[in-house]
Amino acid sequence: MNLCNKCQAYCCRQDKTHAGDAVILDDSEYDFFHNKATLSILTLDGEEHFTIMYKNGKCPFLEGNRCSIYKNRPKQCRLFECWTEAKSGSRKELFLKDNPDLKELIKNEQRIHVN
């Protein structure tokens, strides 16, 4: 069994410190999402990007532990990897630090495959 089958949607359900932006959209994704979710504008490196906002601490498209728009999910979601290791100071390390439940799930999965 792989991690995807055990997914608890930790990446789609953030703690209270991440109350705002859930996913940054590509310009081409705005038309699909603008009337399906609350969007905001996030400025990164002087460029404005539309983002899908969290609703009640989770992605508005999360139903249970599954994505209700999986086939049409944003590019950022499609490119997301559930990492099995992280380098010190990396974005992966920071994400896993903010999501200890996911980190524990990955550790447990690694123990199963090692034994």
C-alpha atoms as a PDB file:
ATOM      1  CA  MET A   1       0.000   0.000   0.000  1.00  0.00           C
ATOM      2  CA  ASN A   2       1.389   3.451  -0.866  1.00  0.00           C
ATOM      3  CA  LEU A   3       1.097   6.766   0.931  1.00  0.00           C
ATOM      4  CA  CYS A   4      -1.651   7.971  -1.423  1.00  0.00           C
ATOM      5  CA  ASN A   5      -3.937   5.182  -0.237  1.00  0.00           C
ATOM      6  CA  LYS A   6      -3.345   6.265   3.360  1.00  0.00           C
ATOM      7  CA  CYS A   7      -3.739   9.972   2.615  1.00  0.00           C
ATOM      8  CA  GLN A   8      -5.341  12.032   5.353  1.00  0.00           C
ATOM      9  CA  ALA A   9      -5.237  15.201   3.198  1.00  0.00           C
ATOM     10  CA  TYR A  10      -2.824  16.970   5.524  1.00  0.00           C
ATOM     11  CA  CYS A  11      -1.612  19.160   2.657  1.00  0.00           C
ATOM     12  CA  CYS A  12      -5.199  20.288   1.975  1.00  0.00           C
ATOM     13  CA  ARG A  13      -6.054  20.858   5.620  1.00  0.00           C
ATOM     14  CA  GLN A  14      -3.737  23.284   7.342  1.00  0.00           C
ATOM     15  CA  ASP A  15      -3.471  24.365  10.948  1.00  0.00           C
ATOM     16  CA  LYS A  16      -4.887  27.663  12.194  1.00  0.00           C
ATOM     17  CA  THR A  17      -1.689  29.584  11.319  1.00  0.00           C
ATOM     18  CA  HIS A  18      -2.436  29.078   7.603  1.00  0.00           C
ATOM     19  CA  ALA A  19      -5.872  30.653   7.520  1.00  0.00           C
ATOM     20  CA  GLY A  20      -5.509  32.414   4.178  1.00  0.00           C
ATOM     21  CA  ASP A  21      -4.275  31.231   0.823  1.00  0.00           C
ATOM     22  CA  ALA A  22      -4.591  27.537   0.001  1.00  0.00           C
ATOM     23  CA  VAL A  23      -3.410  27.270  -3.617  1.00  0.00           C
ATOM     24  CA  ILE A  24      -1.785  29.690  -6.040  1.00  0.00           C
ATOM     25  CA  LEU A  25      -3.480  29.539  -9.447  1.00  0.00           C
ATOM     26  CA  ASP A  26      -1.883  29.778 -12.869  1.00  0.00           C
ATOM     27  CA  ASP A  27      -3.314  32.622 -14.941  1.00  0.00           C
ATOM     28  CA  SER A  28      -5.015  30.031 -17.152  1.00  0.00           C
ATOM     29  CA  GLU A  29      -6.868  28.532 -14.145  1.00  0.00           C
ATOM     30  CA  TYR A  30      -8.697  31.709 -13.134  1.00  0.00           C
ATOM     31  CA  ASP A  31     -11.630  31.145 -15.528  1.00  0.00           C
ATOM     32  CA  PHE A  32     -12.358  27.702 -14.092  1.00  0.00           C
ATOM     33  CA  PHE A  33     -12.112  28.700 -10.420  1.00  0.00           C
ATOM     34  CA  HIS A  34     -13.310  32.304 -10.184  1.00  0.00           C
ATOM     35  CA  ASN A  35     -16.953  31.344  -9.579  1.00  0.00           C
ATOM     36  CA  LYS A  36     -16.297  28.096  -7.686  1.00  0.00           C
ATOM     37  CA  ALA A  37     -14.262  29.356  -4.706  1.00  0.00           C
ATOM     38  CA  THR A  38     -13.314  32.488  -2.825  1.00  0.00           C
ATOM     39  CA  LEU A  39     -10.213  33.904  -4.468  1.00  0.00           C
ATOM     40  CA  SER A  40      -7.750  36.472  -3.224  1.00  0.00           C
ATOM     41  CA  ILE A  41      -4.717  38.172  -4.723  1.00  0.00           C
ATOM     42  CA  LEU A  42      -1.263  37.352  -3.389  1.00  0.00           C
ATOM     43  CA  THR A  43       1.775  39.406  -4.404  1.00  0.00           C
ATOM     44  CA  LEU A  44       5.002  37.415  -4.806  1.00  0.00           C
ATOM     45  CA  ASP A  45       8.177  39.035  -6.108  1.00  0.00           C
ATOM     46  CA  GLY A  46       6.121  42.013  -7.332  1.00  0.00           C
ATOM     47  CA  GLU A  47       3.704  39.833  -9.321  1.00  0.00           C
ATOM     48  CA  GLU A  48       0.052  39.353  -8.420  1.00  0.00           C
ATOM     49  CA  HIS A  49      -1.403  35.835  -8.386  1.00  0.00           C
ATOM     50  CA  PHE A  50      -4.931  34.643  -7.729  1.00  0.00           C
ATOM     51  CA  THR A  51      -5.220  32.153  -4.904  1.00  0.00           C
ATOM     52  CA  ILE A  52      -7.964  29.879  -3.638  1.00  0.00           C
ATOM     53  CA  MET A  53      -8.733  30.725  -0.007  1.00  0.00           C
ATOM     54  CA  TYR A  54      -9.038  28.153   2.744  1.00  0.00           C
ATOM     55  CA  LYS A  55     -12.533  27.716   4.139  1.00  0.00           C
ATOM     56  CA  ASN A  56     -12.781  26.595   7.766  1.00  0.00           C
ATOM     57  CA  GLY A  57      -9.082  25.592   7.756  1.00  0.00           C
ATOM     58  CA  LYS A  58      -9.200  23.430   4.634  1.00  0.00           C
ATOM     59  CA  CYS A  59      -9.367  23.590   0.884  1.00  0.00           C
ATOM     60  CA  PRO A  60     -12.963  24.299  -0.145  1.00  0.00           C
ATOM     61  CA  PHE A  61     -12.817  21.328  -2.548  1.00  0.00           C
ATOM     62  CA  LEU A  62     -11.819  18.810   0.109  1.00  0.00           C
ATOM     63  CA  GLU A  63     -14.600  16.314   0.900  1.00  0.00           C
ATOM     64  CA  GLY A  64     -13.598  13.950   3.660  1.00  0.00           C
ATOM     65  CA  ASN A  65      -9.986  13.165   2.759  1.00  0.00           C
ATOM     66  CA  ARG A  66     -10.467  13.358  -1.003  1.00  0.00           C
ATOM     67  CA  CYS A  67     -10.391  16.102  -3.601  1.00  0.00           C
ATOM     68  CA  SER A  68     -13.838  16.683  -5.115  1.00  0.00           C
ATOM     69  CA  ILE A  69     -12.264  18.197  -8.254  1.00  0.00           C
ATOM     70  CA  TYR A  70      -9.331  15.790  -8.604  1.00  0.00           C
ATOM     71  CA  LYS A  71      -9.398  15.672 -12.424  1.00  0.00           C
ATOM     72  CA  ASN A  72      -9.581  19.485 -12.582  1.00  0.00           C
ATOM     73  CA  ARG A  73      -7.406  20.344  -9.578  1.00  0.00           C
ATOM     74  CA  PRO A  74      -4.991  23.286  -9.897  1.00  0.00           C
ATOM     75  CA  LYS A  75      -1.502  22.788 -11.291  1.00  0.00           C
ATOM     76  CA  GLN A  76       0.037  23.472  -7.876  1.00  0.00           C
ATOM     77  CA  CYS A  77      -1.925  20.513  -6.483  1.00  0.00           C
ATOM     78  CA  ARG A  78      -1.013  18.252  -9.408  1.00  0.00           C
ATOM     79  CA  LEU A  79       2.685  18.995  -8.922  1.00  0.00           C
ATOM     80  CA  PHE A  80       2.628  18.522  -5.145  1.00  0.00           C
ATOM     81  CA  GLU A  81       4.642  15.557  -3.889  1.00  0.00           C
ATOM     82  CA  CYS A  82       4.259  13.793  -0.605  1.00  0.00           C
ATOM     83  CA  TRP A  83       7.927  13.846   0.342  1.00  0.00           C
ATOM     84  CA  THR A  84       9.675  11.039   2.103  1.00  0.00           C
ATOM     85  CA  GLU A  85      12.653  13.155   3.171  1.00  0.00           C
ATOM     86  CA  ALA A  86      13.614  16.794   3.481  1.00  0.00           C
ATOM     87  CA  LYS A  87      16.850  18.740   3.388  1.00  0.00           C
ATOM     88  CA  SER A  88      17.593  21.117   6.245  1.00  0.00           C
ATOM     89  CA  GLY A  89      16.079  24.548   5.605  1.00  0.00           C
ATOM     90  CA  SER A  90      14.125  23.387   2.543  1.00  0.00           C
ATOM     91  CA  ARG A  91      10.505  24.178   1.764  1.00  0.00           C
ATOM     92  CA  LYS A  92       9.801  20.475   2.304  1.00  0.00           C
ATOM     93  CA  GLU A  93      11.301  20.597   5.785  1.00  0.00           C
ATOM     94  CA  LEU A  94       9.228  23.662   6.675  1.00  0.00           C
ATOM     95  CA  PHE A  95       6.050  22.037   5.341  1.00  0.00           C
ATOM     96  CA  LEU A  96       6.668  18.869   7.340  1.00  0.00           C
ATOM     97  CA  LYS A  97       7.441  20.926  10.455  1.00  0.00           C
ATOM     98  CA  ASP A  98       4.043  22.641  10.088  1.00  0.00           C
ATOM     99  CA  ASN A  99       2.332  19.287   9.475  1.00  0.00           C
ATOM    100  CA  PRO A 100       3.612  16.840  12.102  1.00  0.00           C
ATOM    101  CA  ASP A 101       0.850  14.296  11.407  1.00  0.00           C
ATOM    102  CA  LEU A 102       2.029  13.915   7.813  1.00  0.00           C
ATOM    103  CA  LYS A 103       5.646  13.665   8.958  1.00  0.00           C
ATOM    104  CA  GLU A 104       4.686  10.841  11.339  1.00  0.00           C
ATOM    105  CA  LEU A 105       2.732   9.019   8.617  1.00  0.00           C
ATOM    106  CA  ILE A 106       5.770   9.167   6.313  1.00  0.00           C
ATOM    107  CA  LYS A 107       8.085   7.889   9.069  1.00  0.00           C
ATOM    108  CA  ASN A 108       5.734   4.980   9.770  1.00  0.00           C
ATOM    109  CA  GLU A 109       5.491   4.142   6.064  1.00  0.00           C
ATOM    110  CA  GLN A 110       9.294   4.123   5.767  1.00  0.00           C
ATOM    111  CA  ARG A 111       9.567   1.726   8.724  1.00  0.00           C
ATOM    112  CA  ILE A 112       7.125  -0.670   7.050  1.00  0.00           C
ATOM    113  CA  HIS A 113       9.166  -0.713   3.830  1.00  0.00           C
ATOM    114  CA  VAL A 114      12.509  -1.081   5.637  1.00  0.00           C
ATOM    115  CA  ASN A 115      11.461  -4.041   7.773  1.00  0.00           C
END
